[in-house]
Each structure stands twice: as C-alpha cells, then as structure tokens.
Amino acid sequence: MGDHGNLTEQRYEEARVAETLKKGSRVTGAAREKLAADLKRKYDSGASIRALAEETGRSYGFVHRMLSESGVILRGRGGATRGKNKATAGAGS
C-alpha cells in the first residue's frame, strides 16, 4: 500500500512525457531514452504495440521502431490463425 504514492507519481511522469512528445515531434536525447525505457517496460508487462501507440499519441511504426532499438524481442502476432490446429489435424484420421 505504500507504493500507491509512487504509482501515482510514476503515472503523472508518464503522462507528462507523453504530453511533451506530441505526434510528429522529433524525440531525441534523454527524452528518447526515457520514452524507450517506458515503452519497453510496458511492452514487457503485456501491453500491445497498438495500445502503446494510442497511449503515447505516436504511430504504430514509431513504437515498433523504439522497441526494436531498445533490444526488445517482439512477440508474435496473436489472434486467429489460418489452417487446422495440430491437435485437431491428427484427431480426424
């Protein structure tokens, strides 16, 4: 429970960083490193690239590039897959 104040402060800082980094503005230096670290942490916690793009007001491509530059191993695509599932493919014989 003692972390509540820290979480509020962290969210405020993230909102401030996102607010100062308007879409289309160039992000360099310390601000870029801070944004990359925040994106990496959130992505590693399970956030999608699309969700991060919407949250920061940046494009999908920008967030993808920032994550790649940060050395993040990107997850595979989710959702429905094409073709038969291996378990059901063998069961039909």
N, C-alpha and C. Protein backbone atom coordinates (compact mmCIF):
# COMPACT_ATOMS: atom_id res chain seq x y z
N MET A 1 0.82 -1.20 0.00
CA MET A 1 0.00 0.00 0.00
C MET A 1 0.86 1.25 0.00
N GLY A 2 2.09 1.13 0.47
CA GLY A 2 2.97 2.27 0.48
C GLY A 2 3.40 2.70 -0.91
N ASP A 3 3.20 1.84 -1.91
CA ASP A 3 3.58 2.15 -3.28
C ASP A 3 2.56 3.01 -4.01
N HIS A 4 1.39 3.24 -3.41
CA HIS A 4 0.34 3.99 -4.09
C HIS A 4 0.82 5.38 -4.52
N GLY A 5 1.49 6.07 -3.63
CA GLY A 5 2.00 7.40 -3.96
C GLY A 5 3.03 7.34 -5.06
N ASN A 6 3.87 6.30 -5.05
CA ASN A 6 4.89 6.12 -6.07
C ASN A 6 4.25 5.83 -7.43
N LEU A 7 3.20 5.01 -7.45
CA LEU A 7 2.50 4.71 -8.70
C LEU A 7 1.85 5.95 -9.29
N THR A 8 1.23 6.75 -8.43
CA THR A 8 0.59 7.98 -8.89
C THR A 8 1.64 8.91 -9.48
N GLU A 9 2.77 9.03 -8.82
CA GLU A 9 3.85 9.89 -9.31
C GLU A 9 4.39 9.36 -10.64
N GLN A 10 4.51 8.04 -10.76
CA GLN A 10 5.01 7.42 -11.99
C GLN A 10 4.05 7.68 -13.14
N ARG A 11 2.75 7.53 -12.91
CA ARG A 11 1.76 7.78 -13.96
C ARG A 11 1.76 9.24 -14.37
N TYR A 12 1.92 10.13 -13.41
CA TYR A 12 1.99 11.55 -13.72
C TYR A 12 3.19 11.84 -14.61
N GLU A 13 4.33 11.24 -14.28
CA GLU A 13 5.55 11.44 -15.07
C GLU A 13 5.36 10.90 -16.49
N GLU A 14 4.74 9.72 -16.62
CA GLU A 14 4.50 9.14 -17.94
C GLU A 14 3.56 10.03 -18.76
N ALA A 15 2.54 10.56 -18.13
CA ALA A 15 1.60 11.44 -18.82
C ALA A 15 2.31 12.71 -19.26
N ARG A 16 3.19 13.23 -18.41
CA ARG A 16 3.93 14.44 -18.74
C ARG A 16 4.86 14.19 -19.93
N VAL A 17 5.54 13.04 -19.94
CA VAL A 17 6.44 12.72 -21.05
C VAL A 17 5.64 12.57 -22.33
N ALA A 18 4.52 11.84 -22.27
CA ALA A 18 3.68 11.64 -23.47
C ALA A 18 3.12 12.98 -23.96
N GLU A 19 2.79 13.86 -23.02
CA GLU A 19 2.21 15.15 -23.38
C GLU A 19 3.23 16.03 -24.10
N THR A 20 4.48 15.96 -23.66
CA THR A 20 5.51 16.81 -24.27
C THR A 20 5.99 16.24 -25.59
N LEU A 21 5.70 14.96 -25.85
CA LEU A 21 6.13 14.33 -27.09
C LEU A 21 4.95 14.20 -28.04
N LYS A 22 4.49 15.30 -28.54
CA LYS A 22 3.35 15.32 -29.45
C LYS A 22 3.67 14.55 -30.72
N LYS A 23 2.64 14.01 -31.34
CA LYS A 23 2.81 13.24 -32.57
C LYS A 23 3.47 14.11 -33.62
N GLY A 24 4.46 13.53 -34.25
CA GLY A 24 5.17 14.24 -35.30
C GLY A 24 6.37 15.02 -34.81
N SER A 25 6.48 15.25 -33.50
CA SER A 25 7.64 15.97 -32.99
C SER A 25 8.82 15.02 -32.90
N ARG A 26 9.99 15.56 -33.11
CA ARG A 26 11.21 14.75 -33.06
C ARG A 26 11.55 14.45 -31.60
N VAL A 27 11.90 13.19 -31.35
CA VAL A 27 12.25 12.77 -30.00
C VAL A 27 13.72 12.38 -30.00
N THR A 28 14.53 13.13 -29.24
CA THR A 28 15.97 12.88 -29.23
C THR A 28 16.51 12.91 -27.81
N GLY A 29 17.73 12.45 -27.68
CA GLY A 29 18.45 12.54 -26.42
C GLY A 29 17.81 11.82 -25.27
N ALA A 30 17.80 12.48 -24.12
CA ALA A 30 17.30 11.88 -22.88
C ALA A 30 15.81 11.56 -22.97
N ALA A 31 15.05 12.41 -23.66
CA ALA A 31 13.61 12.17 -23.79
C ALA A 31 13.35 10.88 -24.57
N ARG A 32 14.17 10.62 -25.59
CA ARG A 32 14.03 9.39 -26.39
C ARG A 32 14.37 8.17 -25.55
N GLU A 33 15.44 8.27 -24.77
CA GLU A 33 15.85 7.16 -23.91
C GLU A 33 14.78 6.87 -22.86
N LYS A 34 14.21 7.92 -22.29
CA LYS A 34 13.16 7.76 -21.27
C LYS A 34 11.92 7.12 -21.89
N LEU A 35 11.51 7.61 -23.05
CA LEU A 35 10.34 7.05 -23.72
C LEU A 35 10.59 5.59 -24.09
N ALA A 36 11.77 5.29 -24.61
CA ALA A 36 12.09 3.91 -24.99
C ALA A 36 12.04 2.99 -23.77
N ALA A 37 12.56 3.44 -22.63
CA ALA A 37 12.54 2.63 -21.42
C ALA A 37 11.11 2.41 -20.94
N ASP A 38 10.27 3.45 -20.99
CA ASP A 38 8.87 3.32 -20.58
C ASP A 38 8.12 2.36 -21.50
N LEU A 39 8.33 2.49 -22.81
CA LEU A 39 7.66 1.61 -23.76
C LEU A 39 8.10 0.16 -23.55
N LYS A 40 9.40 -0.03 -23.35
CA LYS A 40 9.93 -1.38 -23.13
C LYS A 40 9.31 -2.01 -21.89
N ARG A 41 9.26 -1.26 -20.80
CA ARG A 41 8.70 -1.78 -19.55
C ARG A 41 7.25 -2.17 -19.73
N LYS A 42 6.48 -1.32 -20.39
CA LYS A 42 5.05 -1.59 -20.58
C LYS A 42 4.83 -2.77 -21.54
N TYR A 43 5.64 -2.84 -22.60
CA TYR A 43 5.52 -3.94 -23.55
C TYR A 43 5.86 -5.26 -22.87
N ASP A 44 6.93 -5.26 -22.08
CA ASP A 44 7.32 -6.46 -21.36
C ASP A 44 6.27 -6.88 -20.32
N SER A 45 5.47 -5.91 -19.88
CA SER A 45 4.40 -6.20 -18.92
C SER A 45 3.13 -6.69 -19.61
N GLY A 46 3.13 -6.73 -20.94
CA GLY A 46 1.99 -7.28 -21.66
C GLY A 46 1.21 -6.32 -22.55
N ALA A 47 1.56 -5.04 -22.54
CA ALA A 47 0.84 -4.08 -23.38
C ALA A 47 1.17 -4.33 -24.85
N SER A 48 0.20 -4.12 -25.72
CA SER A 48 0.42 -4.31 -27.15
C SER A 48 1.04 -3.05 -27.75
N ILE A 49 1.64 -3.22 -28.92
CA ILE A 49 2.22 -2.06 -29.61
C ILE A 49 1.12 -1.07 -29.95
N ARG A 50 -0.03 -1.57 -30.38
CA ARG A 50 -1.15 -0.67 -30.72
C ARG A 50 -1.61 0.12 -29.49
N ALA A 51 -1.70 -0.54 -28.35
CA ALA A 51 -2.12 0.14 -27.12
C ALA A 51 -1.10 1.21 -26.73
N LEU A 52 0.18 0.89 -26.86
CA LEU A 52 1.23 1.86 -26.53
C LEU A 52 1.20 3.03 -27.49
N ALA A 53 0.95 2.76 -28.76
CA ALA A 53 0.87 3.84 -29.75
C ALA A 53 -0.27 4.78 -29.42
N GLU A 54 -1.42 4.22 -29.08
CA GLU A 54 -2.58 5.04 -28.74
C GLU A 54 -2.32 5.86 -27.47
N GLU A 55 -1.72 5.22 -26.48
CA GLU A 55 -1.45 5.88 -25.20
C GLU A 55 -0.49 7.05 -25.35
N THR A 56 0.52 6.89 -26.21
CA THR A 56 1.53 7.93 -26.37
C THR A 56 1.20 8.93 -27.47
N GLY A 57 0.19 8.62 -28.29
CA GLY A 57 -0.14 9.51 -29.39
C GLY A 57 0.84 9.41 -30.54
N ARG A 58 1.58 8.33 -30.60
CA ARG A 58 2.54 8.11 -31.68
C ARG A 58 2.00 7.02 -32.60
N SER A 59 2.65 6.81 -33.72
CA SER A 59 2.21 5.79 -34.67
C SER A 59 2.69 4.41 -34.24
N TYR A 60 2.03 3.40 -34.80
CA TYR A 60 2.42 2.01 -34.56
C TYR A 60 3.88 1.83 -34.97
N GLY A 61 4.25 2.34 -36.13
CA GLY A 61 5.61 2.19 -36.64
C GLY A 61 6.65 2.83 -35.73
N PHE A 62 6.32 3.99 -35.18
CA PHE A 62 7.24 4.67 -34.27
C PHE A 62 7.48 3.82 -33.03
N VAL A 63 6.40 3.30 -32.43
CA VAL A 63 6.52 2.48 -31.22
C VAL A 63 7.29 1.21 -31.54
N HIS A 64 6.98 0.58 -32.67
CA HIS A 64 7.67 -0.64 -33.09
C HIS A 64 9.17 -0.38 -33.22
N ARG A 65 9.52 0.73 -33.86
CA ARG A 65 10.92 1.08 -34.04
C ARG A 65 11.62 1.36 -32.71
N MET A 66 10.94 2.06 -31.82
CA MET A 66 11.52 2.35 -30.50
C MET A 66 11.79 1.06 -29.73
N LEU A 67 10.84 0.13 -29.77
CA LEU A 67 11.02 -1.14 -29.09
C LEU A 67 12.18 -1.93 -29.70
N SER A 68 12.25 -1.94 -31.01
CA SER A 68 13.33 -2.66 -31.69
C SER A 68 14.69 -2.06 -31.34
N GLU A 69 14.76 -0.74 -31.32
CA GLU A 69 16.01 -0.05 -30.96
C GLU A 69 16.41 -0.33 -29.52
N SER A 70 15.42 -0.62 -28.68
CA SER A 70 15.68 -0.89 -27.27
C SER A 70 16.09 -2.33 -27.02
N GLY A 71 16.11 -3.14 -28.08
CA GLY A 71 16.53 -4.53 -27.94
C GLY A 71 15.43 -5.47 -27.47
N VAL A 72 14.19 -5.03 -27.54
CA VAL A 72 13.06 -5.86 -27.12
C VAL A 72 12.86 -6.97 -28.15
N ILE A 73 12.63 -8.19 -27.66
CA ILE A 73 12.25 -9.29 -28.54
C ILE A 73 10.74 -9.22 -28.68
N LEU A 74 10.28 -8.88 -29.87
CA LEU A 74 8.85 -8.66 -30.09
C LEU A 74 8.10 -9.98 -30.10
N ARG A 75 6.90 -9.95 -29.54
CA ARG A 75 6.04 -11.13 -29.51
C ARG A 75 5.49 -11.38 -30.91
N GLY A 76 5.10 -12.63 -31.14
CA GLY A 76 4.47 -12.98 -32.41
C GLY A 76 3.05 -12.43 -32.45
N ARG A 77 2.48 -12.47 -33.64
CA ARG A 77 1.11 -12.00 -33.79
C ARG A 77 0.16 -12.92 -33.05
N GLY A 78 -0.89 -12.35 -32.51
CA GLY A 78 -1.90 -13.14 -31.82
C GLY A 78 -3.12 -13.32 -32.69
N GLY A 79 -4.21 -13.69 -32.09
CA GLY A 79 -5.45 -13.81 -32.82
C GLY A 79 -5.60 -15.14 -33.53
N ALA A 80 -6.61 -15.22 -34.37
CA ALA A 80 -6.90 -16.46 -35.09
C ALA A 80 -5.78 -16.78 -36.07
N THR A 81 -5.52 -18.05 -36.23
CA THR A 81 -4.51 -18.48 -37.17
C THR A 81 -5.18 -19.20 -38.33
N ARG A 82 -4.50 -19.22 -39.42
CA ARG A 82 -5.06 -19.89 -40.60
C ARG A 82 -4.68 -21.36 -40.55
N GLY A 83 -5.53 -22.20 -41.09
CA GLY A 83 -5.24 -23.62 -41.15
C GLY A 83 -5.74 -24.36 -39.92
N LYS A 84 -5.51 -25.66 -39.94
CA LYS A 84 -6.00 -26.50 -38.85
C LYS A 84 -5.01 -26.52 -37.71
N ASN A 85 -5.54 -26.66 -36.52
CA ASN A 85 -4.73 -26.81 -35.32
C ASN A 85 -4.09 -28.19 -35.37
N LYS A 86 -2.85 -28.33 -34.92
CA LYS A 86 -2.15 -29.62 -34.95
C LYS A 86 -2.91 -30.69 -34.18
N ALA A 87 -3.52 -30.31 -33.07
CA ALA A 87 -4.25 -31.29 -32.25
C ALA A 87 -5.45 -31.83 -33.01
N THR A 88 -6.17 -31.00 -33.73
CA THR A 88 -7.36 -31.45 -34.44
C THR A 88 -7.00 -32.10 -35.78
N ALA A 89 -5.83 -31.76 -36.33
CA ALA A 89 -5.43 -32.33 -37.61
C ALA A 89 -5.19 -33.82 -37.49
N GLY A 90 -4.55 -34.24 -36.39
CA GLY A 90 -4.26 -35.66 -36.17
C GLY A 90 -5.47 -36.43 -35.67
N ALA A 91 -6.42 -35.79 -35.03
CA ALA A 91 -7.58 -36.44 -34.44
C ALA A 91 -8.60 -36.85 -35.50
N GLY A 92 -8.57 -36.22 -36.65
CA GLY A 92 -9.56 -36.50 -37.69
C GLY A 92 -9.26 -37.78 -38.46
N SER A 93 -8.10 -38.40 -38.26
CA SER A 93 -7.72 -39.59 -39.04
C SER A 93 -8.37 -40.84 -38.57
